[in-house]
Amino acid sequence: MLSPEFIPVLAAALAAVCVGGVAISMFYARVGRRTEADKRLAAIATWDGPVGRAVGSDESSRKRSIEITLRNLEEQQKVRRGVKPSLTIRMQQAGLTWSKKTYLLACLAAGALALMTALAVLGVSPLPAVGFGLAGGLLLPHFYVSRRRAARLRDFTSDFPNAVDVIVRGVKAGLPLVDCLRIIASEAKEPVRSEFKAILDDQTLGVPMDQAVQRLPERIPIAEASFFAIVISLQSRSGGSLSEALGNLSRVLRERKKMAGKIRAMSSEAKTSAAIIGALPAVVTCMLYLTAPDYISLLFNTLIGKVVVAGSLIWMGMGILMMRKMINFDF
């Protein structure tokens, strides 16, 4: 127990602490600003004269130029990401030389094939068969173009670091950048060869090199192509060692490739589990149909059974899409 004489002293101490905390919270910003002002005055006091000022202004102007260039390139990349590619651009990114007329003919052929398969093989009535035909005509060509596009982008990502290394070694040996690009356009694998050939064609037609390279991410919408375009644009506008910048880019690209391999290895177990879980209901249904057809036929011959099958398919589809979203990692 505290003595009665000590209680006023303790109350006064607590009041003083409270008042001090309030004062510090109110005047801390001014004190901090005064500290920053003192730092700036100290920096001015240690000024070295006109030579140091000229060097500092050159460095600050170069940094400002790099910041402006990066900001402009980032804005261009945001605009490109926000715009959904058209059908023609997607077919070009897939390496297909189809026109829109050819794509429509492929849709008609796929729809007719799906319709005949539903009528002749599955024995579906005409109205559901028309639905099968429409779904096949709309989805099959779209899936084909998407798979071709994904495979082409994956091949480009795999071979692109080797192309950057060729440029680095060529620039260090004294070759111009155009000659290095010409070597890649003639000796690299597809699709790297055709994309660098397109850069050379644009440059031959009079397009500046930085603008010709900036068109690469439009044809190959991946992060690696964007990095390469940013490095070339920065070097052409603000100067610097191209071989050093591209060497750093090559190391970054190879590290990203290693990271992608590690992610695939770590997620392979989850993908296998998801495939087993997704295929298990279909496998069990087929086994029950083979062993006890009368037991499982209630799901296909009665209205309640068809509703249960439709609901189960919807829930399974949602579960598969959710698992796919969970095991696909972006970095």
C-alpha atoms as a PDB file:
ATOM      1  CA  MET A   1       0.000   0.000   0.000  1.00  0.00           C
ATOM      2  CA  LEU A   2       1.195   3.465  -0.870  1.00  0.00           C
ATOM      3  CA  SER A   3       1.417   6.094   1.797  1.00  0.00           C
ATOM      4  CA  PRO A   4      -0.981   9.078   1.534  1.00  0.00           C
ATOM      5  CA  GLU A   5       1.955  11.488   1.120  1.00  0.00           C
ATOM      6  CA  PHE A   6       3.261   9.617  -1.948  1.00  0.00           C
ATOM      7  CA  ILE A   7      -0.008   9.612  -3.908  1.00  0.00           C
ATOM      8  CA  PRO A   8       0.105  13.356  -4.920  1.00  0.00           C
ATOM      9  CA  VAL A   9       3.708  12.973  -6.064  1.00  0.00           C
ATOM     10  CA  LEU A  10       2.808   9.955  -8.230  1.00  0.00           C
ATOM     11  CA  ALA A  11      -0.182  11.781  -9.708  1.00  0.00           C
ATOM     12  CA  ALA A  12       2.000  14.787 -10.564  1.00  0.00           C
ATOM     13  CA  ALA A  13       4.591  12.532 -12.255  1.00  0.00           C
ATOM     14  CA  LEU A  14       1.936  10.791 -14.346  1.00  0.00           C
ATOM     15  CA  ALA A  15       0.444  14.155 -15.336  1.00  0.00           C
ATOM     16  CA  ALA A  16       3.892  15.407 -16.386  1.00  0.00           C
ATOM     17  CA  VAL A  17       4.452  12.296 -18.521  1.00  0.00           C
ATOM     18  CA  CYS A  18       1.058  12.744 -20.201  1.00  0.00           C
ATOM     19  CA  VAL A  19       1.693  16.413 -20.932  1.00  0.00           C
ATOM     20  CA  GLY A  20       5.140  15.592 -22.350  1.00  0.00           C
ATOM     21  CA  GLY A  21       3.708  12.897 -24.632  1.00  0.00           C
ATOM     22  CA  VAL A  22       1.051  15.253 -25.969  1.00  0.00           C
ATOM     23  CA  ALA A  23       3.660  17.950 -26.590  1.00  0.00           C
ATOM     24  CA  ILE A  24       5.952  15.539 -28.440  1.00  0.00           C
ATOM     25  CA  SER A  25       3.109  14.242 -30.621  1.00  0.00           C
ATOM     26  CA  MET A  26       2.104  17.821 -31.543  1.00  0.00           C
ATOM     27  CA  PHE A  27       5.563  19.241 -32.285  1.00  0.00           C
ATOM     28  CA  TYR A  28       7.374  16.149 -33.603  1.00  0.00           C
ATOM     29  CA  ALA A  29       6.681  17.013 -37.254  1.00  0.00           C
ATOM     30  CA  ARG A  30       8.213  20.469 -36.853  1.00  0.00           C
ATOM     31  CA  VAL A  31      11.255  19.038 -35.108  1.00  0.00           C
ATOM     32  CA  GLY A  32      11.709  16.473 -37.896  1.00  0.00           C
ATOM     33  CA  ARG A  33      11.452  19.155 -40.560  1.00  0.00           C
ATOM     34  CA  ARG A  34      14.020  21.249 -38.733  1.00  0.00           C
ATOM     35  CA  THR A  35      16.317  18.202 -38.722  1.00  0.00           C
ATOM     36  CA  GLU A  36      15.882  17.760 -42.471  1.00  0.00           C
ATOM     37  CA  ALA A  37      16.582  21.465 -42.943  1.00  0.00           C
ATOM     38  CA  ASP A  38      19.774  21.123 -40.920  1.00  0.00           C
ATOM     39  CA  LYS A  39      20.838  18.223 -43.135  1.00  0.00           C
ATOM     40  CA  ARG A  40      20.271  20.271 -46.273  1.00  0.00           C
ATOM     41  CA  LEU A  41      22.225  23.211 -44.824  1.00  0.00           C
ATOM     42  CA  ALA A  42      25.079  20.858 -43.959  1.00  0.00           C
ATOM     43  CA  ALA A  43      25.077  19.494 -47.509  1.00  0.00           C
ATOM     44  CA  ILE A  44      25.253  23.035 -48.897  1.00  0.00           C
ATOM     45  CA  ALA A  45      28.072  23.867 -46.507  1.00  0.00           C
ATOM     46  CA  THR A  46      30.127  20.956 -47.865  1.00  0.00           C
ATOM     47  CA  TRP A  47      29.641  22.031 -51.518  1.00  0.00           C
ATOM     48  CA  ASP A  48      32.784  21.559 -53.595  1.00  0.00           C
ATOM     49  CA  GLY A  49      32.296  24.385 -56.081  1.00  0.00           C
ATOM     50  CA  PRO A  50      31.362  24.705 -59.769  1.00  0.00           C
ATOM     51  CA  VAL A  51      32.954  21.401 -60.848  1.00  0.00           C
ATOM     52  CA  GLY A  52      31.013  19.352 -58.332  1.00  0.00           C
ATOM     53  CA  ARG A  53      27.872  21.228 -59.320  1.00  0.00           C
ATOM     54  CA  ALA A  54      28.357  20.417 -62.995  1.00  0.00           C
ATOM     55  CA  VAL A  55      28.955  16.748 -62.280  1.00  0.00           C
ATOM     56  CA  GLY A  56      25.948  16.588 -59.964  1.00  0.00           C
ATOM     57  CA  SER A  57      23.723  18.301 -62.533  1.00  0.00           C
ATOM     58  CA  ASP A  58      24.831  15.856 -65.244  1.00  0.00           C
ATOM     59  CA  GLU A  59      24.122  12.873 -63.028  1.00  0.00           C
ATOM     60  CA  SER A  60      20.777  14.281 -61.900  1.00  0.00           C
ATOM     61  CA  SER A  61      19.731  15.007 -65.489  1.00  0.00           C
ATOM     62  CA  ARG A  62      20.696  11.460 -66.529  1.00  0.00           C
ATOM     63  CA  LYS A  63      18.761   9.979 -63.603  1.00  0.00           C
ATOM     64  CA  ARG A  64      15.806  12.189 -64.467  1.00  0.00           C
ATOM     65  CA  SER A  65      15.954  11.011 -68.089  1.00  0.00           C
ATOM     66  CA  ILE A  66      16.039   7.371 -66.973  1.00  0.00           C
ATOM     67  CA  GLU A  67      13.087   7.930 -64.637  1.00  0.00           C
ATOM     68  CA  ILE A  68      11.058   9.591 -67.387  1.00  0.00           C
ATOM     69  CA  THR A  69      11.888   6.787 -69.817  1.00  0.00           C
ATOM     70  CA  LEU A  70      10.937   4.105 -67.290  1.00  0.00           C
ATOM     71  CA  ARG A  71       7.703   5.905 -66.471  1.00  0.00           C
ATOM     72  CA  ASN A  72       6.754   6.153 -70.150  1.00  0.00           C
ATOM     73  CA  LEU A  73       7.591   2.498 -70.763  1.00  0.00           C
ATOM     74  CA  GLU A  74       5.586   1.419 -67.712  1.00  0.00           C
ATOM     75  CA  GLU A  75       2.582   3.407 -68.944  1.00  0.00           C
ATOM     76  CA  GLN A  76       2.868   1.762 -72.360  1.00  0.00           C
ATOM     77  CA  GLN A  77       3.059  -1.673 -70.742  1.00  0.00           C
ATOM     78  CA  LYS A  78      -0.033  -0.936 -68.625  1.00  0.00           C
ATOM     79  CA  VAL A  79      -1.950   0.114 -71.740  1.00  0.00           C
ATOM     80  CA  ARG A  80      -0.903  -3.075 -73.525  1.00  0.00           C
ATOM     81  CA  ARG A  81      -1.910  -5.259 -70.584  1.00  0.00           C
ATOM     82  CA  GLY A  82      -5.289  -3.578 -70.297  1.00  0.00           C
ATOM     83  CA  VAL A  83      -6.161  -4.118 -73.972  1.00  0.00           C
ATOM     84  CA  LYS A  84      -7.366  -7.603 -74.836  1.00  0.00           C
ATOM     85  CA  PRO A  85      -5.674  -8.853 -78.033  1.00  0.00           C
ATOM     86  CA  SER A  86      -7.887  -9.242 -81.051  1.00  0.00           C
ATOM     87  CA  LEU A  87      -8.370 -12.485 -82.948  1.00  0.00           C
ATOM     88  CA  THR A  88      -5.878 -11.489 -85.640  1.00  0.00           C
ATOM     89  CA  ILE A  89      -3.191 -10.630 -83.063  1.00  0.00           C
ATOM     90  CA  ARG A  90      -3.793 -13.882 -81.166  1.00  0.00           C
ATOM     91  CA  MET A  91      -3.374 -15.899 -84.376  1.00  0.00           C
ATOM     92  CA  GLN A  92      -0.155 -14.004 -85.146  1.00  0.00           C
ATOM     93  CA  GLN A  93       1.124 -14.685 -81.631  1.00  0.00           C
ATOM     94  CA  ALA A  94       0.296 -18.357 -82.180  1.00  0.00           C
ATOM     95  CA  GLY A  95       2.422 -18.393 -85.342  1.00  0.00           C
ATOM     96  CA  LEU A  96      -0.582 -19.025 -87.603  1.00  0.00           C
ATOM     97  CA  THR A  97      -1.006 -17.362 -90.975  1.00  0.00           C
ATOM     98  CA  TRP A  98      -4.767 -17.674 -90.912  1.00  0.00           C
ATOM     99  CA  SER A  99      -7.090 -14.882 -91.907  1.00  0.00           C
ATOM    100  CA  LYS A 100     -10.453 -14.250 -90.304  1.00  0.00           C
ATOM    101  CA  LYS A 101     -12.113 -16.050 -93.207  1.00  0.00           C
ATOM    102  CA  THR A 102      -9.936 -19.106 -92.613  1.00  0.00           C
ATOM    103  CA  TYR A 103     -10.795 -19.030 -88.905  1.00  0.00           C
ATOM    104  CA  LEU A 104     -14.519 -18.886 -89.696  1.00  0.00           C
ATOM    105  CA  LEU A 105     -14.149 -21.845 -92.074  1.00  0.00           C
ATOM    106  CA  ALA A 106     -12.370 -23.758 -89.298  1.00  0.00           C
ATOM    107  CA  CYS A 107     -15.249 -22.926 -86.932  1.00  0.00           C
ATOM    108  CA  LEU A 108     -17.788 -24.222 -89.465  1.00  0.00           C
ATOM    109  CA  ALA A 109     -15.802 -27.424 -90.005  1.00  0.00           C
ATOM    110  CA  ALA A 110     -15.429 -28.020 -86.258  1.00  0.00           C
ATOM    111  CA  GLY A 111     -19.147 -27.370 -85.713  1.00  0.00           C
ATOM    112  CA  ALA A 112     -20.140 -29.792 -88.482  1.00  0.00           C
ATOM    113  CA  LEU A 113     -17.792 -32.450 -87.098  1.00  0.00           C
ATOM    114  CA  ALA A 114     -19.218 -32.038 -83.573  1.00  0.00           C
ATOM    115  CA  LEU A 115     -22.781 -32.194 -84.948  1.00  0.00           C
ATOM    116  CA  MET A 116     -22.149 -35.397 -86.892  1.00  0.00           C
ATOM    117  CA  THR A 117     -20.361 -36.962 -83.915  1.00  0.00           C
ATOM    118  CA  ALA A 118     -23.310 -36.187 -81.642  1.00  0.00           C
ATOM    119  CA  LEU A 119     -25.830 -37.586 -84.112  1.00  0.00           C
ATOM    120  CA  ALA A 120     -23.974 -40.654 -85.398  1.00  0.00           C
ATOM    121  CA  VAL A 121     -21.748 -41.746 -82.530  1.00  0.00           C
ATOM    122  CA  LEU A 122     -23.509 -40.552 -79.378  1.00  0.00           C
ATOM    123  CA  GLY A 123     -27.052 -40.991 -80.727  1.00  0.00           C
ATOM    124  CA  VAL A 124     -28.235 -37.627 -79.380  1.00  0.00           C
ATOM    125  CA  SER A 125     -31.534 -36.151 -80.519  1.00  0.00           C
ATOM    126  CA  PRO A 126     -31.372 -33.305 -83.094  1.00  0.00           C
ATOM    127  CA  LEU A 127     -31.896 -30.357 -80.717  1.00  0.00           C
ATOM    128  CA  PRO A 128     -29.091 -31.273 -78.271  1.00  0.00           C
ATOM    129  CA  ALA A 129     -26.945 -32.202 -81.281  1.00  0.00           C
ATOM    130  CA  VAL A 130     -27.269 -28.621 -82.542  1.00  0.00           C
ATOM    131  CA  GLY A 131     -26.009 -27.461 -79.153  1.00  0.00           C
ATOM    132  CA  PHE A 132     -23.037 -29.814 -79.483  1.00  0.00           C
ATOM    133  CA  GLY A 133     -22.347 -28.398 -82.944  1.00  0.00           C
ATOM    134  CA  LEU A 134     -22.455 -24.784 -81.760  1.00  0.00           C
ATOM    135  CA  ALA A 135     -20.201 -25.544 -78.800  1.00  0.00           C
ATOM    136  CA  GLY A 136     -17.721 -27.403 -80.996  1.00  0.00           C
ATOM    137  CA  GLY A 137     -17.674 -24.647 -83.615  1.00  0.00           C
ATOM    138  CA  LEU A 138     -17.056 -21.942 -81.056  1.00  0.00           C
ATOM    139  CA  LEU A 139     -14.706 -23.695 -78.637  1.00  0.00           C
ATOM    140  CA  LEU A 140     -12.522 -26.089 -80.636  1.00  0.00           C
ATOM    141  CA  PRO A 141     -10.789 -23.472 -82.882  1.00  0.00           C
ATOM    142  CA  HIS A 142     -10.449 -21.143 -79.885  1.00  0.00           C
ATOM    143  CA  PHE A 143      -8.755 -23.856 -77.822  1.00  0.00           C
ATOM    144  CA  TYR A 144      -6.486 -24.763 -80.744  1.00  0.00           C
ATOM    145  CA  VAL A 145      -5.305 -21.172 -81.200  1.00  0.00           C
ATOM    146  CA  SER A 146      -4.829 -20.756 -77.441  1.00  0.00           C
ATOM    147  CA  ARG A 147      -2.725 -23.921 -77.150  1.00  0.00           C
ATOM    148  CA  ARG A 148      -0.601 -22.979 -80.143  1.00  0.00           C
ATOM    149  CA  ARG A 149      -0.105 -19.496 -78.713  1.00  0.00           C
ATOM    150  CA  ALA A 150       0.857 -20.805 -75.254  1.00  0.00           C
ATOM    151  CA  ALA A 151       3.296 -23.333 -76.749  1.00  0.00           C
ATOM    152  CA  ARG A 152       4.934 -20.667 -78.925  1.00  0.00           C
ATOM    153  CA  LEU A 153       5.340 -18.264 -76.005  1.00  0.00           C
ATOM    154  CA  ARG A 154       6.788 -21.088 -73.912  1.00  0.00           C
ATOM    155  CA  ASP A 155       9.326 -21.954 -76.635  1.00  0.00           C
ATOM    156  CA  PHE A 156      10.321 -18.300 -76.951  1.00  0.00           C
ATOM    157  CA  THR A 157      10.827 -18.015 -73.188  1.00  0.00           C
ATOM    158  CA  SER A 158      13.015 -21.122 -73.197  1.00  0.00           C
ATOM    159  CA  ASP A 159      15.380 -19.966 -75.996  1.00  0.00           C
ATOM    160  CA  PHE A 160      15.406 -16.217 -75.378  1.00  0.00           C
ATOM    161  CA  PRO A 161      18.230 -16.166 -72.751  1.00  0.00           C
ATOM    162  CA  ASN A 162      20.575 -17.815 -75.280  1.00  0.00           C
ATOM    163  CA  ALA A 163      19.776 -15.053 -77.775  1.00  0.00           C
ATOM    164  CA  VAL A 164      20.560 -12.386 -75.175  1.00  0.00           C
ATOM    165  CA  ASP A 165      23.896 -14.107 -74.446  1.00  0.00           C
ATOM    166  CA  VAL A 166      24.735 -13.976 -78.162  1.00  0.00           C
ATOM    167  CA  ILE A 167      24.132 -10.219 -78.131  1.00  0.00           C
ATOM    168  CA  VAL A 168      26.266  -9.784 -74.997  1.00  0.00           C
ATOM    169  CA  ARG A 169      29.213 -11.714 -76.459  1.00  0.00           C
ATOM    170  CA  GLY A 170      28.895  -9.919 -79.798  1.00  0.00           C
ATOM    171  CA  VAL A 171      28.821  -6.450 -78.234  1.00  0.00           C
ATOM    172  CA  LYS A 172      31.826  -7.284 -76.041  1.00  0.00           C
ATOM    173  CA  ALA A 173      33.676  -8.450 -79.160  1.00  0.00           C
ATOM    174  CA  GLY A 174      32.981  -5.113 -80.858  1.00  0.00           C
ATOM    175  CA  LEU A 175      30.104  -6.053 -83.151  1.00  0.00           C
ATOM    176  CA  PRO A 176      27.254  -3.571 -83.680  1.00  0.00           C
ATOM    177  CA  LEU A 177      23.867  -4.432 -82.225  1.00  0.00           C
ATOM    178  CA  VAL A 178      22.364  -4.880 -85.695  1.00  0.00           C
ATOM    179  CA  ASP A 179      24.927  -7.540 -86.620  1.00  0.00           C
ATOM    180  CA  CYS A 180      24.208  -9.405 -83.382  1.00  0.00           C
ATOM    181  CA  LEU A 181      20.497  -9.360 -84.155  1.00  0.00           C
ATOM    182  CA  ARG A 182      21.246 -10.585 -87.672  1.00  0.00           C
ATOM    183  CA  ILE A 183      23.168 -13.568 -86.254  1.00  0.00           C
ATOM    184  CA  ILE A 184      20.201 -14.470 -84.046  1.00  0.00           C
ATOM    185  CA  ALA A 185      17.766 -14.054 -86.946  1.00  0.00           C
ATOM    186  CA  SER A 186      19.743 -16.538 -89.027  1.00  0.00           C
ATOM    187  CA  GLU A 187      20.922 -19.156 -86.500  1.00  0.00           C
ATOM    188  CA  ALA A 188      18.495 -19.184 -83.529  1.00  0.00           C
ATOM    189  CA  LYS A 189      15.596 -21.577 -83.082  1.00  0.00           C
ATOM    190  CA  GLU A 190      11.998 -20.775 -83.772  1.00  0.00           C
ATOM    191  CA  PRO A 191      10.176 -18.642 -82.705  1.00  0.00           C
ATOM    192  CA  VAL A 192      13.141 -16.492 -81.594  1.00  0.00           C
ATOM    193  CA  ARG A 193      14.533 -16.441 -85.117  1.00  0.00           C
ATOM    194  CA  SER A 194      11.354 -15.150 -86.758  1.00  0.00           C
ATOM    195  CA  GLU A 195      10.768 -12.494 -84.088  1.00  0.00           C
ATOM    196  CA  PHE A 196      14.289 -11.069 -84.384  1.00  0.00           C
ATOM    197  CA  LYS A 197      13.947 -11.194 -88.153  1.00  0.00           C
ATOM    198  CA  ALA A 198      10.827  -9.037 -87.762  1.00  0.00           C
ATOM    199  CA  ILE A 199      12.882  -6.543 -85.705  1.00  0.00           C
ATOM    200  CA  LEU A 200      15.493  -6.388 -88.462  1.00  0.00           C
ATOM    201  CA  ASP A 201      12.811  -5.929 -91.100  1.00  0.00           C
ATOM    202  CA  ASP A 202      11.358  -2.983 -89.189  1.00  0.00           C
ATOM    203  CA  GLN A 203      14.810  -1.490 -88.751  1.00  0.00           C
ATOM    204  CA  THR A 204      15.527  -1.922 -92.475  1.00  0.00           C
ATOM    205  CA  LEU A 205      12.342  -0.017 -93.321  1.00  0.00           C
ATOM    206  CA  GLY A 206      13.620   2.983 -91.337  1.00  0.00           C
ATOM    207  CA  VAL A 207      12.147   2.373 -87.895  1.00  0.00           C
ATOM    208  CA  PRO A 208      14.599   3.319 -85.104  1.00  0.00           C
ATOM    209  CA  MET A 209      16.079   0.387 -83.250  1.00  0.00           C
ATOM    210  CA  ASP A 210      14.454   1.201 -79.895  1.00  0.00           C
ATOM    211  CA  GLN A 211      11.003   1.496 -81.504  1.00  0.00           C
ATOM    212  CA  ALA A 212      11.516  -1.707 -83.478  1.00  0.00           C
ATOM    213  CA  VAL A 213      12.429  -3.552 -80.285  1.00  0.00           C
ATOM    214  CA  GLN A 214       9.451  -2.056 -78.449  1.00  0.00           C
ATOM    215  CA  ARG A 215       7.179  -3.862 -80.929  1.00  0.00           C
ATOM    216  CA  LEU A 216       8.500  -7.203 -79.674  1.00  0.00           C
ATOM    217  CA  PRO A 217       6.301  -7.289 -76.519  1.00  0.00           C
ATOM    218  CA  GLU A 218       3.270  -6.655 -78.744  1.00  0.00           C
ATOM    219  CA  ARG A 219       3.990  -9.828 -80.716  1.00  0.00           C
ATOM    220  CA  ILE A 220       5.321 -11.811 -77.725  1.00  0.00           C
ATOM    221  CA  PRO A 221       3.393 -10.631 -74.621  1.00  0.00           C
ATOM    222  CA  ILE A 222       5.703 -12.011 -71.934  1.00  0.00           C
ATOM    223  CA  ALA A 223       7.753 -10.329 -69.220  1.00  0.00           C
ATOM    224  CA  GLU A 224      11.099 -11.335 -70.760  1.00  0.00           C
ATOM    225  CA  ALA A 225      10.375  -9.494 -74.014  1.00  0.00           C
ATOM    226  CA  SER A 226       9.278  -6.418 -72.047  1.00  0.00           C
ATOM    227  CA  PHE A 227      12.541  -6.470 -70.054  1.00  0.00           C
ATOM    228  CA  PHE A 228      14.576  -6.653 -73.264  1.00  0.00           C
ATOM    229  CA  ALA A 229      12.655  -3.748 -74.830  1.00  0.00           C
ATOM    230  CA  ILE A 230      13.136  -1.615 -71.703  1.00  0.00           C
ATOM    231  CA  VAL A 231      16.894  -2.268 -71.602  1.00  0.00           C
ATOM    232  CA  ILE A 232      17.380  -1.387 -75.278  1.00  0.00           C
ATOM    233  CA  SER A 233      15.217   1.748 -74.955  1.00  0.00           C
ATOM    234  CA  LEU A 234      17.083   2.950 -71.869  1.00  0.00           C
ATOM    235  CA  GLN A 235      20.457   2.354 -73.482  1.00  0.00           C
ATOM    236  CA  SER A 236      19.495   4.194 -76.677  1.00  0.00           C
ATOM    237  CA  ARG A 237      18.077   7.220 -74.812  1.00  0.00           C
ATOM    238  CA  SER A 238      20.382   7.621 -71.817  1.00  0.00           C
ATOM    239  CA  GLY A 239      23.542   5.747 -72.816  1.00  0.00           C
ATOM    240  CA  GLY A 240      25.536   3.288 -70.749  1.00  0.00           C
ATOM    241  CA  SER A 241      27.178  -0.067 -71.257  1.00  0.00           C
ATOM    242  CA  LEU A 242      24.890  -2.235 -73.364  1.00  0.00           C
ATOM    243  CA  SER A 243      26.865  -5.414 -72.700  1.00  0.00           C
ATOM    244  CA  GLU A 244      26.667  -4.927 -68.929  1.00  0.00           C
ATOM    245  CA  ALA A 245      22.944  -4.162 -69.023  1.00  0.00           C
ATOM    246  CA  LEU A 246      22.169  -7.147 -71.240  1.00  0.00           C
ATOM    247  CA  GLY A 247      24.437  -9.354 -69.125  1.00  0.00           C
ATOM    248  CA  ASN A 248      22.405  -8.454 -66.060  1.00  0.00           C
ATOM    249  CA  LEU A 249      19.240  -9.111 -68.059  1.00  0.00           C
ATOM    250  CA  SER A 250      20.540 -12.527 -69.105  1.00  0.00           C
ATOM    251  CA  ARG A 251      21.201 -13.461 -65.480  1.00  0.00           C
ATOM    252  CA  VAL A 252      17.724 -12.289 -64.513  1.00  0.00           C
ATOM    253  CA  LEU A 253      16.133 -14.324 -67.313  1.00  0.00           C
ATOM    254  CA  ARG A 254      18.017 -17.468 -66.341  1.00  0.00           C
ATOM    255  CA  GLU A 255      17.088 -17.010 -62.687  1.00  0.00           C
ATOM    256  CA  ARG A 256      13.453 -16.625 -63.722  1.00  0.00           C
ATOM    257  CA  LYS A 257      13.771 -19.828 -65.747  1.00  0.00           C
ATOM    258  CA  LYS A 258      15.199 -21.658 -62.721  1.00  0.00           C
ATOM    259  CA  MET A 259      12.409 -20.277 -60.559  1.00  0.00           C
ATOM    260  CA  ALA A 260       9.813 -21.508 -63.056  1.00  0.00           C
ATOM    261  CA  GLY A 261      11.380 -24.982 -62.937  1.00  0.00           C
ATOM    262  CA  LYS A 262      11.326 -24.986 -59.137  1.00  0.00           C
ATOM    263  CA  ILE A 263       7.686 -23.893 -59.130  1.00  0.00           C
ATOM    264  CA  ARG A 264       6.760 -26.678 -61.558  1.00  0.00           C
ATOM    265  CA  ALA A 265       8.601 -29.221 -59.416  1.00  0.00           C
ATOM    266  CA  MET A 266       7.001 -28.035 -56.180  1.00  0.00           C
ATOM    267  CA  SER A 267       3.500 -27.855 -57.664  1.00  0.00           C
ATOM    268  CA  SER A 268       3.658 -31.196 -59.515  1.00  0.00           C
ATOM    269  CA  GLU A 269       2.323 -33.076 -56.486  1.00  0.00           C
ATOM    270  CA  ALA A 270      -0.601 -30.685 -56.132  1.00  0.00           C
ATOM    271  CA  LYS A 271      -1.359 -30.923 -59.858  1.00  0.00           C
ATOM    272  CA  THR A 272      -1.295 -34.723 -59.733  1.00  0.00           C
ATOM    273  CA  SER A 273      -3.614 -34.732 -56.724  1.00  0.00           C
ATOM    274  CA  ALA A 274      -5.981 -32.341 -58.479  1.00  0.00           C
ATOM    275  CA  ALA A 275      -6.004 -34.544 -61.603  1.00  0.00           C
ATOM    276  CA  ILE A 276      -6.785 -37.642 -59.544  1.00  0.00           C
ATOM    277  CA  ILE A 277      -9.549 -35.875 -57.609  1.00  0.00           C
ATOM    278  CA  GLY A 278     -11.048 -34.464 -60.804  1.00  0.00           C
ATOM    279  CA  ALA A 279     -11.003 -37.813 -62.621  1.00  0.00           C
ATOM    280  CA  LEU A 280     -12.241 -39.901 -59.686  1.00  0.00           C
ATOM    281  CA  PRO A 281     -16.008 -39.254 -60.126  1.00  0.00           C
ATOM    282  CA  ALA A 282     -15.902 -40.124 -63.833  1.00  0.00           C
ATOM    283  CA  VAL A 283     -13.887 -43.289 -63.172  1.00  0.00           C
ATOM    284  CA  VAL A 284     -16.235 -44.411 -60.381  1.00  0.00           C
ATOM    285  CA  THR A 285     -19.277 -43.759 -62.591  1.00  0.00           C
ATOM    286  CA  CYS A 286     -17.834 -45.859 -65.432  1.00  0.00           C
ATOM    287  CA  MET A 287     -16.947 -48.703 -63.061  1.00  0.00           C
ATOM    288  CA  LEU A 288     -20.443 -48.685 -61.550  1.00  0.00           C
ATOM    289  CA  TYR A 289     -21.985 -48.683 -65.030  1.00  0.00           C
ATOM    290  CA  LEU A 290     -19.926 -51.748 -65.958  1.00  0.00           C
ATOM    291  CA  THR A 291     -20.606 -53.647 -62.723  1.00  0.00           C
ATOM    292  CA  ALA A 292     -24.162 -52.539 -61.848  1.00  0.00           C
ATOM    293  CA  PRO A 293     -25.831 -50.782 -64.813  1.00  0.00           C
ATOM    294  CA  ASP A 294     -29.322 -50.962 -63.280  1.00  0.00           C
ATOM    295  CA  TYR A 295     -28.084 -49.189 -60.160  1.00  0.00           C
ATOM    296  CA  ILE A 296     -26.391 -46.286 -61.999  1.00  0.00           C
ATOM    297  CA  SER A 297     -28.954 -45.971 -64.806  1.00  0.00           C
ATOM    298  CA  LEU A 298     -31.330 -44.142 -62.457  1.00  0.00           C
ATOM    299  CA  LEU A 299     -29.120 -41.068 -62.846  1.00  0.00           C
ATOM    300  CA  PHE A 300     -29.742 -41.023 -66.621  1.00  0.00           C
ATOM    301  CA  ASN A 301     -33.307 -42.317 -66.948  1.00  0.00           C
ATOM    302  CA  THR A 302     -35.146 -40.238 -64.320  1.00  0.00           C
ATOM    303  CA  LEU A 303     -35.654 -36.483 -64.059  1.00  0.00           C
ATOM    304  CA  ILE A 304     -34.257 -36.282 -60.534  1.00  0.00           C
ATOM    305  CA  GLY A 305     -31.207 -38.264 -61.630  1.00  0.00           C
ATOM    306  CA  LYS A 306     -30.545 -35.899 -64.555  1.00  0.00           C
ATOM    307  CA  VAL A 307     -30.849 -32.903 -62.233  1.00  0.00           C
ATOM    308  CA  VAL A 308     -28.386 -34.527 -59.826  1.00  0.00           C
ATOM    309  CA  VAL A 309     -25.957 -35.234 -62.692  1.00  0.00           C
ATOM    310  CA  ALA A 310     -26.217 -31.651 -63.971  1.00  0.00           C
ATOM    311  CA  GLY A 311     -25.664 -30.209 -60.504  1.00  0.00           C
ATOM    312  CA  SER A 312     -22.740 -32.540 -59.873  1.00  0.00           C
ATOM    313  CA  LEU A 313     -21.120 -31.540 -63.171  1.00  0.00           C
ATOM    314  CA  ILE A 314     -21.491 -27.859 -62.313  1.00  0.00           C
ATOM    315  CA  TRP A 315     -19.976 -28.305 -58.855  1.00  0.00           C
ATOM    316  CA  MET A 316     -17.173 -30.471 -60.209  1.00  0.00           C
ATOM    317  CA  GLY A 317     -16.399 -27.876 -62.857  1.00  0.00           C
ATOM    318  CA  MET A 318     -16.255 -25.144 -60.239  1.00  0.00           C
ATOM    319  CA  GLY A 319     -13.994 -27.268 -58.065  1.00  0.00           C
ATOM    320  CA  ILE A 320     -11.644 -28.049 -60.962  1.00  0.00           C
ATOM    321  CA  LEU A 321     -11.415 -24.358 -61.902  1.00  0.00           C
ATOM    322  CA  MET A 322     -10.715 -23.442 -58.271  1.00  0.00           C
ATOM    323  CA  MET A 323      -7.981 -26.079 -57.976  1.00  0.00           C
ATOM    324  CA  ARG A 324      -6.490 -24.897 -61.265  1.00  0.00           C
ATOM    325  CA  LYS A 325      -6.425 -21.343 -59.965  1.00  0.00           C
ATOM    326  CA  MET A 326      -4.736 -22.461 -56.752  1.00  0.00           C
ATOM    327  CA  ILE A 327      -1.958 -24.479 -58.379  1.00  0.00           C
ATOM    328  CA  ASN A 328      -1.106 -22.070 -61.208  1.00  0.00           C
ATOM    329  CA  PHE A 329       1.562 -19.734 -59.823  1.00  0.00           C
ATOM    330  CA  ASP A 330       2.485 -16.420 -61.390  1.00  0.00           C
ATOM    331  CA  PHE A 331       5.811 -14.750 -60.626  1.00  0.00           C
END
